[in-house]
Amino acid sequence: MEQVLLVTLNGLTLAGVYFLVASGLTLIFGLMRVITLAHGTSFLLGGYLGYVIATATGNWVIGALGGAIAVGFLGLLIYHGLIRRFQNDDMRVALITLGVAIIGTDLMMASFGGLATQVPIEANVRQGVDVPFIGQYPLIRLLVLGIAIVVGVALTLFISRTRFGSRVRAGVDDSQMASATGVNVRVVFTVIFFLGSALAGFAGVVGGTLFPLQPGQDGTYLLYSLVVVIVGGMGSIPGAAVGAVLVGLVSQYTLVLAPTYALVLTFALMVVVLAFRPQGILGRTA
């Protein structure tokens, strides 16, 4: 029983990292219908920038905010400079963002090297705390889960309960009609792309605090983010949360029960969901 609870809690805390990454992709890919293959690169860059800033200042919060904001503005440059004019051409956007991802990965390799680095945080946060029926458990993993919950609730309220969120939904459903009613769709999409990129950068800092940062993670987190978004339903923040929980639990339980097939079974989850509900668990029917 103790091992089951431990694996479950590990899956939920891992799901917190997956959700933070996938929430940004949900905004960009799910709402704007922009296929960005550079999202994993934004994750890794945010982690490295957070590492540099947190190391220089000795403050994790400043590192997290600095990494998120820097990656957000870089995302704006990429969107307006490379993506916006081709936004309705999915193949061209995919190829452009793939090129950005390859260049970004090489630049990070040259700048930060191939060694694993971890974002520094106060030592007491890495200590264990007593969890009922489990025993000692790292406090940092519980904090990651809490951060993911707070971000998820905030994004859900932002999209569903605010005036700007209604403009976002209107611009996604029918951008021409929204423009005719006075909504500046360009500004709306700019804010969404900034927020999605910033969330990827923030997720990189959080993930880089929990696990060491190293080359190759950008592709891994991009794939897991796509699985989470597809399983949960494109454009749905609650759907991304459900997808992240399922992916996190499946990956952790398969690592314990069938480690050889862990990756295969994780992606099999996506196949099963698409077979029975193509729009995702909480996605809307087109």
Protein backbone atom coordinates (compact mmCIF):
# COMPACT_ATOMS: atom_id res chain seq x y z
CA MET A 1 0.00 0.00 0.00
CA GLU A 2 2.80 2.39 0.86
CA GLN A 3 4.49 1.78 -2.48
CA VAL A 4 1.23 2.38 -4.37
CA LEU A 5 0.75 5.71 -2.62
CA LEU A 6 4.37 6.67 -3.25
CA VAL A 7 4.17 5.88 -6.98
CA THR A 8 0.86 7.74 -7.20
CA LEU A 9 2.31 10.82 -5.53
CA ASN A 10 5.36 10.65 -7.80
CA GLY A 11 3.02 10.51 -10.79
CA LEU A 12 1.03 13.51 -9.58
CA THR A 13 4.11 15.64 -8.93
CA LEU A 14 5.52 14.69 -12.32
CA ALA A 15 2.14 15.59 -13.80
CA GLY A 16 2.60 19.05 -12.29
CA VAL A 17 5.69 19.61 -14.44
CA TYR A 18 3.96 18.19 -17.52
CA PHE A 19 0.97 20.46 -16.95
CA LEU A 20 3.10 23.59 -16.62
CA VAL A 21 4.76 22.85 -19.95
CA ALA A 22 1.56 21.73 -21.67
CA SER A 23 -0.49 24.70 -20.42
CA GLY A 24 1.62 27.02 -22.56
CA LEU A 25 1.26 24.70 -25.54
CA THR A 26 -2.50 24.53 -24.89
CA LEU A 27 -2.72 28.31 -25.29
CA ILE A 28 -0.56 28.46 -28.43
CA PHE A 29 -1.50 25.23 -30.18
CA GLY A 30 -4.93 24.62 -28.70
CA LEU A 31 -6.32 28.15 -28.86
CA MET A 32 -4.35 29.86 -31.63
CA ARG A 33 -3.95 26.70 -33.76
CA VAL A 34 -0.26 27.52 -34.20
CA ILE A 35 1.84 24.36 -34.47
CA THR A 36 5.03 25.37 -32.70
CA LEU A 37 7.76 22.76 -32.51
CA ALA A 38 10.00 25.15 -30.56
CA HIS A 39 8.00 24.81 -27.34
CA GLY A 40 10.46 22.31 -25.88
CA THR A 41 13.30 24.68 -26.72
CA SER A 42 11.49 27.43 -24.80
CA PHE A 43 11.26 25.04 -21.84
CA LEU A 44 14.98 24.27 -21.87
CA LEU A 45 16.01 27.89 -22.45
CA GLY A 46 13.83 29.05 -19.56
CA GLY A 47 15.49 26.48 -17.32
CA TYR A 48 18.99 27.58 -18.28
CA LEU A 49 18.16 31.28 -17.89
CA GLY A 50 16.56 30.58 -14.54
CA TYR A 51 19.70 28.72 -13.50
CA VAL A 52 21.93 31.66 -14.48
CA ILE A 53 19.72 34.28 -12.79
CA ALA A 54 19.07 32.25 -9.63
CA THR A 55 22.79 31.49 -9.30
CA ALA A 56 23.73 35.16 -9.74
CA THR A 57 21.08 36.55 -7.38
CA GLY A 58 20.74 33.69 -4.92
CA ASN A 59 16.97 33.97 -5.26
CA TRP A 60 14.89 31.24 -6.91
CA VAL A 61 11.82 33.44 -7.39
CA ILE A 62 13.81 36.05 -9.32
CA GLY A 63 15.29 33.28 -11.43
CA ALA A 64 11.85 31.85 -12.21
CA LEU A 65 10.37 35.24 -13.11
CA GLY A 66 13.42 36.23 -15.13
CA GLY A 67 13.43 32.99 -17.12
CA ALA A 68 9.70 33.19 -17.80
CA ILE A 69 9.69 36.85 -18.89
CA ALA A 70 12.79 36.50 -21.07
CA VAL A 71 11.39 33.47 -22.89
CA GLY A 72 8.03 35.23 -23.24
CA PHE A 73 9.58 38.20 -25.03
CA LEU A 74 11.71 35.91 -27.17
CA GLY A 75 8.50 34.10 -28.15
CA LEU A 76 7.02 37.44 -29.21
CA LEU A 77 10.00 38.12 -31.46
CA ILE A 78 9.65 34.70 -33.07
CA TYR A 79 5.89 35.10 -33.48
CA HIS A 80 5.96 38.55 -35.08
CA GLY A 81 9.17 38.04 -37.01
CA LEU A 82 8.64 34.54 -38.37
CA ILE A 83 5.23 33.05 -37.64
CA ARG A 84 2.46 35.65 -37.86
CA ARG A 85 2.53 36.18 -41.63
CA PHE A 86 2.31 32.40 -42.17
CA GLN A 87 -0.03 31.64 -39.27
CA ASN A 88 -2.63 29.93 -41.45
CA ASP A 89 -0.07 27.76 -43.23
CA ASP A 90 0.43 24.88 -40.78
CA MET A 91 3.22 23.14 -42.66
CA ARG A 92 5.28 26.29 -43.10
CA VAL A 93 4.85 27.26 -39.44
CA ALA A 94 5.88 23.76 -38.36
CA LEU A 95 9.03 23.92 -40.49
CA ILE A 96 9.90 27.43 -39.27
CA THR A 97 9.53 26.49 -35.61
CA LEU A 98 11.47 23.25 -36.21
CA GLY A 99 14.33 25.36 -37.58
CA VAL A 100 14.11 27.65 -34.55
CA ALA A 101 14.23 24.61 -32.27
CA ILE A 102 17.32 23.17 -33.98
CA ILE A 103 19.18 26.50 -33.94
CA GLY A 104 18.16 27.16 -30.34
CA THR A 105 19.32 23.74 -29.20
CA ASP A 106 22.73 24.20 -30.83
CA LEU A 107 23.14 27.67 -29.33
CA MET A 108 22.28 26.40 -25.86
CA MET A 109 24.73 23.53 -26.29
CA ALA A 110 27.46 26.02 -27.23
CA SER A 111 26.57 28.42 -24.40
CA PHE A 112 25.88 26.07 -21.50
CA GLY A 113 27.75 22.94 -22.57
CA GLY A 114 26.51 19.38 -22.40
CA LEU A 115 26.79 18.93 -18.64
CA ALA A 116 23.69 18.53 -16.48
CA THR A 117 22.87 21.58 -14.37
CA GLN A 118 20.18 22.10 -11.74
CA VAL A 119 18.48 25.35 -10.77
CA PRO A 120 19.56 26.22 -7.20
CA ILE A 121 16.98 26.65 -4.45
CA GLU A 122 17.14 26.92 -0.68
CA ALA A 123 18.44 23.72 0.90
CA ASN A 124 15.48 23.35 3.26
CA VAL A 125 13.12 23.08 0.28
CA ARG A 126 14.93 19.95 -0.88
CA GLN A 127 14.53 18.30 2.51
CA GLY A 128 11.90 15.69 3.24
CA VAL A 129 8.62 16.21 5.08
CA ASP A 130 6.36 13.64 6.70
CA VAL A 131 3.47 12.58 4.48
CA PRO A 132 0.76 10.34 5.97
CA PHE A 133 1.06 6.65 4.98
CA ILE A 134 4.24 7.40 2.97
CA GLY A 135 6.80 8.82 5.36
CA GLN A 136 9.53 11.23 4.29
CA TYR A 137 8.88 12.85 0.91
CA PRO A 138 10.79 15.71 -0.81
CA LEU A 139 9.15 19.06 -0.12
CA ILE A 140 10.18 20.37 -3.54
CA ARG A 141 7.95 17.84 -5.31
CA LEU A 142 4.94 18.87 -3.23
CA LEU A 143 5.66 22.53 -4.00
CA VAL A 144 5.77 21.74 -7.73
CA LEU A 145 2.35 20.12 -7.46
CA GLY A 146 1.02 23.16 -5.58
CA ILE A 147 2.44 25.58 -8.16
CA ALA A 148 0.81 23.59 -10.97
CA ILE A 149 -2.58 23.71 -9.22
CA VAL A 150 -2.35 27.47 -8.66
CA VAL A 151 -1.35 28.09 -12.30
CA GLY A 152 -4.13 25.84 -13.56
CA VAL A 153 -6.83 27.59 -11.52
CA ALA A 154 -5.52 31.03 -12.51
CA LEU A 155 -5.46 30.17 -16.23
CA THR A 156 -8.94 28.65 -16.11
CA LEU A 157 -10.38 31.76 -14.46
CA PHE A 158 -8.46 34.00 -16.86
CA ILE A 159 -9.82 32.27 -19.97
CA SER A 160 -13.38 31.60 -18.78
CA ARG A 161 -14.22 34.48 -16.43
CA THR A 162 -12.49 37.63 -17.72
CA ARG A 163 -13.41 40.00 -20.51
CA PHE A 164 -10.06 39.40 -22.20
CA GLY A 165 -10.68 35.68 -22.01
CA SER A 166 -13.99 36.11 -23.84
CA ARG A 167 -12.13 38.03 -26.55
CA VAL A 168 -9.65 35.18 -26.80
CA ARG A 169 -12.46 32.66 -27.26
CA ALA A 170 -14.17 34.89 -29.81
CA GLY A 171 -10.95 35.37 -31.77
CA VAL A 172 -10.35 31.62 -31.83
CA ASP A 173 -13.90 30.72 -32.91
CA ASP A 174 -14.17 33.35 -35.65
CA SER A 175 -11.36 35.89 -35.96
CA GLN A 176 -13.03 37.84 -38.79
CA MET A 177 -16.30 38.27 -36.89
CA ALA A 178 -14.39 39.21 -33.74
CA SER A 179 -12.45 41.85 -35.68
CA ALA A 180 -15.71 43.21 -37.10
CA THR A 181 -17.05 43.70 -33.56
CA GLY A 182 -14.00 45.74 -32.56
CA VAL A 183 -11.75 43.07 -31.05
CA ASN A 184 -8.08 43.58 -31.94
CA VAL A 185 -7.32 39.95 -32.73
CA ARG A 186 -3.64 40.72 -33.38
CA VAL A 187 -3.19 42.07 -29.85
CA VAL A 188 -5.12 39.15 -28.38
CA PHE A 189 -2.97 36.58 -30.15
CA THR A 190 0.19 38.49 -29.19
CA VAL A 191 -0.72 38.31 -25.50
CA ILE A 192 -1.59 34.62 -25.76
CA PHE A 193 1.70 33.78 -27.50
CA PHE A 194 3.66 35.73 -24.88
CA LEU A 195 1.81 33.98 -22.06
CA GLY A 196 2.27 30.54 -23.64
CA SER A 197 6.00 31.08 -24.18
CA ALA A 198 6.43 32.51 -20.67
CA LEU A 199 4.70 29.46 -19.19
CA ALA A 200 7.13 27.22 -21.07
CA GLY A 201 10.07 29.19 -19.68
CA PHE A 202 8.61 29.07 -16.16
CA ALA A 203 8.08 25.33 -16.51
CA GLY A 204 11.74 25.01 -17.50
CA VAL A 205 12.82 26.65 -14.25
CA VAL A 206 10.46 24.47 -12.19
CA GLY A 207 11.49 21.32 -14.05
CA GLY A 208 15.15 22.31 -13.83
CA THR A 209 14.78 22.65 -10.06
CA LEU A 210 13.25 19.20 -9.74
CA PHE A 211 15.42 17.41 -12.34
CA PRO A 212 18.83 18.28 -13.83
CA LEU A 213 18.76 20.23 -17.10
CA GLN A 214 20.58 18.62 -20.00
CA PRO A 215 20.55 18.60 -23.80
CA GLY A 216 17.78 16.51 -25.30
CA GLN A 217 15.15 17.42 -22.73
CA ASP A 218 13.62 19.92 -25.13
CA GLY A 219 12.49 17.16 -27.49
CA THR A 220 11.29 14.95 -24.63
CA TYR A 221 9.13 17.64 -23.04
CA LEU A 222 7.79 18.73 -26.42
CA LEU A 223 6.57 15.18 -27.08
CA TYR A 224 5.02 14.82 -23.64
CA SER A 225 3.36 18.22 -23.98
CA LEU A 226 1.80 17.21 -27.28
CA VAL A 227 0.53 13.98 -25.73
CA VAL A 228 -0.97 15.87 -22.78
CA VAL A 229 -2.69 18.42 -25.03
CA ILE A 230 -4.06 15.77 -27.40
CA VAL A 231 -5.25 13.50 -24.59
CA GLY A 232 -6.87 16.30 -22.60
CA GLY A 233 -8.32 18.19 -25.57
CA MET A 234 -6.92 21.13 -27.50
CA GLY A 235 -7.66 24.54 -26.01
CA SER A 236 -8.89 23.19 -22.67
CA ILE A 237 -6.92 24.07 -19.53
CA PRO A 238 -8.84 21.53 -17.39
CA GLY A 239 -8.27 19.03 -20.20
CA ALA A 240 -4.53 19.68 -20.05
CA ALA A 241 -4.66 19.04 -16.30
CA VAL A 242 -6.49 15.74 -16.79
CA GLY A 243 -4.10 14.73 -19.59
CA ALA A 244 -1.05 15.60 -17.46
CA VAL A 245 -2.34 13.52 -14.54
CA LEU A 246 -3.02 10.52 -16.79
CA VAL A 247 0.37 10.77 -18.51
CA GLY A 248 2.19 11.24 -15.20
CA LEU A 249 0.48 8.28 -13.53
CA VAL A 250 0.84 5.97 -16.53
CA SER A 251 4.52 6.80 -16.95
CA GLN A 252 5.31 6.23 -13.26
CA TYR A 253 3.32 3.02 -12.88
CA THR A 254 4.78 1.55 -16.06
CA LEU A 255 8.28 2.43 -14.87
CA VAL A 256 7.59 0.27 -11.81
CA LEU A 257 5.61 -2.55 -13.42
CA ALA A 258 7.03 -2.70 -16.96
CA PRO A 259 10.02 -0.36 -17.31
CA THR A 260 10.96 -1.72 -20.73
CA TYR A 261 7.62 -0.61 -22.18
CA ALA A 262 7.18 2.59 -20.18
CA LEU A 263 7.53 4.96 -23.13
CA VAL A 264 5.44 2.77 -25.43
CA LEU A 265 2.56 2.49 -22.97
CA THR A 266 2.60 6.23 -22.30
CA PHE A 267 2.07 6.97 -25.97
CA ALA A 268 -0.42 4.10 -26.20
CA LEU A 269 -2.59 6.17 -23.87
CA MET A 270 -2.83 8.83 -26.57
CA VAL A 271 -3.72 6.24 -29.19
CA VAL A 272 -6.52 4.83 -27.03
CA VAL A 273 -7.99 8.27 -26.33
CA LEU A 274 -7.87 9.24 -30.01
CA ALA A 275 -9.56 5.97 -30.97
CA PHE A 276 -12.58 6.56 -28.72
CA ARG A 277 -12.63 10.37 -28.42
CA PRO A 278 -10.66 12.10 -31.21
CA GLN A 279 -11.20 15.61 -29.78
CA GLY A 280 -9.63 14.61 -26.43
CA ILE A 281 -11.21 13.92 -23.07
CA LEU A 282 -12.43 17.49 -22.46
CA GLY A 283 -12.01 18.86 -25.99
CA ARG A 284 -14.84 20.35 -28.01
CA THR A 285 -16.18 18.67 -31.12
CA ALA A 286 -15.14 20.66 -34.20
